[in-house]
Amino acid sequence: MDKIPAFSGWLSGGFSDWISHHSVQEVALVIGATVAVTTLLINLITLLINLANFFLNWHYRKKKLRLQQLNKAAPAREREEDEAK
């Protein structure tokens, strides 16, 4: 139970130590750069997900159209088979 308060005290102490050695502009630069990099990574992940979604939709739409074409051709084949008998 004492591990969580000890860790939070250690973390806040480390942050206070780090921030005391830097100016406000340096801290703002680090925070801004962190936000920018995080936003870039999130956008890249979103782009990859959207590309995967596009190709999955394209594949299954192509498959669906192929099945629809086969189903339209199936009654014609059945009629040809009935006529051949």
Protein backbone atom coordinates (compact mmCIF):
# COMPACT_ATOMS: atom_id res chain seq x y z
CA MET A 1 0.00 0.00 0.00
CA ASP A 2 2.90 2.36 0.62
CA LYS A 3 4.34 1.77 -2.83
CA ILE A 4 1.87 4.02 -4.66
CA PRO A 5 2.35 7.13 -2.45
CA ALA A 6 6.12 6.56 -2.47
CA PHE A 7 6.15 6.31 -6.27
CA SER A 8 3.98 9.41 -6.72
CA GLY A 9 6.25 11.34 -4.32
CA TRP A 10 9.33 10.18 -6.19
CA LEU A 11 7.71 11.09 -9.54
CA SER A 12 6.61 14.56 -8.45
CA GLY A 13 10.04 15.18 -6.91
CA GLY A 14 11.76 14.19 -10.13
CA PHE A 15 9.46 16.40 -12.16
CA SER A 16 10.05 19.35 -9.80
CA ASP A 17 13.80 18.80 -10.03
CA TRP A 18 13.69 18.66 -13.82
CA ILE A 19 11.49 21.74 -14.16
CA SER A 20 13.67 23.77 -11.75
CA HIS A 21 16.69 23.39 -14.05
CA HIS A 22 14.87 24.73 -17.13
CA SER A 23 13.32 28.01 -18.16
CA VAL A 24 9.65 28.41 -18.96
CA GLN A 25 10.45 28.52 -22.68
CA GLU A 26 12.38 25.25 -22.52
CA VAL A 27 9.56 23.53 -20.66
CA ALA A 28 7.04 24.86 -23.20
CA LEU A 29 9.25 23.62 -26.02
CA VAL A 30 9.47 20.12 -24.55
CA ILE A 31 5.73 19.95 -23.89
CA GLY A 32 4.93 21.31 -27.38
CA ALA A 33 7.30 18.86 -29.05
CA THR A 34 5.82 15.98 -27.05
CA VAL A 35 2.29 16.95 -28.07
CA ALA A 36 3.36 17.32 -31.73
CA VAL A 37 5.07 13.92 -31.85
CA THR A 38 2.15 12.24 -30.09
CA THR A 39 -0.30 13.81 -32.55
CA LEU A 40 1.84 12.67 -35.47
CA LEU A 41 1.94 9.09 -34.17
CA ILE A 42 -1.82 9.03 -33.61
CA ASN A 43 -2.40 10.36 -37.15
CA LEU A 44 -0.07 7.75 -38.65
CA ILE A 45 -1.85 4.96 -36.79
CA THR A 46 -5.20 6.34 -37.96
CA LEU A 47 -3.92 6.46 -41.54
CA LEU A 48 -2.81 2.81 -41.37
CA ILE A 49 -6.20 1.77 -39.97
CA ASN A 50 -8.01 3.68 -42.72
CA LEU A 51 -5.85 2.11 -45.43
CA ALA A 52 -6.50 -1.36 -44.04
CA ASN A 53 -10.22 -0.59 -43.94
CA PHE A 54 -10.14 0.63 -47.57
CA PHE A 55 -8.46 -2.52 -48.83
CA LEU A 56 -10.72 -4.82 -46.80
CA ASN A 57 -13.81 -3.06 -48.15
CA TRP A 58 -12.42 -3.21 -51.68
CA HIS A 59 -11.71 -6.95 -51.37
CA TYR A 60 -15.13 -7.85 -50.00
CA ARG A 61 -16.98 -5.57 -52.43
CA LYS A 62 -15.15 -7.29 -55.31
CA LYS A 63 -16.05 -10.68 -53.81
CA LYS A 64 -19.70 -9.62 -53.39
CA LEU A 65 -19.94 -8.45 -57.01
CA ARG A 66 -18.42 -11.72 -58.21
CA LEU A 67 -21.00 -13.70 -56.23
CA GLN A 68 -23.82 -11.53 -57.57
CA GLN A 69 -22.63 -12.15 -61.12
CA LEU A 70 -22.51 -15.90 -60.46
CA ASN A 71 -26.03 -15.83 -59.00
CA LYS A 72 -27.33 -13.99 -62.08
CA ALA A 73 -25.66 -16.53 -64.34
CA ALA A 74 -26.90 -19.52 -62.30
CA PRO A 75 -30.56 -19.43 -63.49
CA ALA A 76 -29.37 -19.25 -67.10
CA ARG A 77 -27.16 -22.29 -66.56
CA GLU A 78 -30.03 -24.19 -64.93
CA ARG A 79 -32.27 -23.41 -67.92
CA GLU A 80 -29.57 -24.64 -70.30
CA GLU A 81 -29.19 -27.85 -68.30
CA ASP A 82 -32.98 -28.40 -68.30
CA GLU A 83 -33.14 -27.86 -72.07
CA ALA A 84 -30.26 -30.29 -72.58
CA LYS A 85 -32.16 -33.06 -70.77
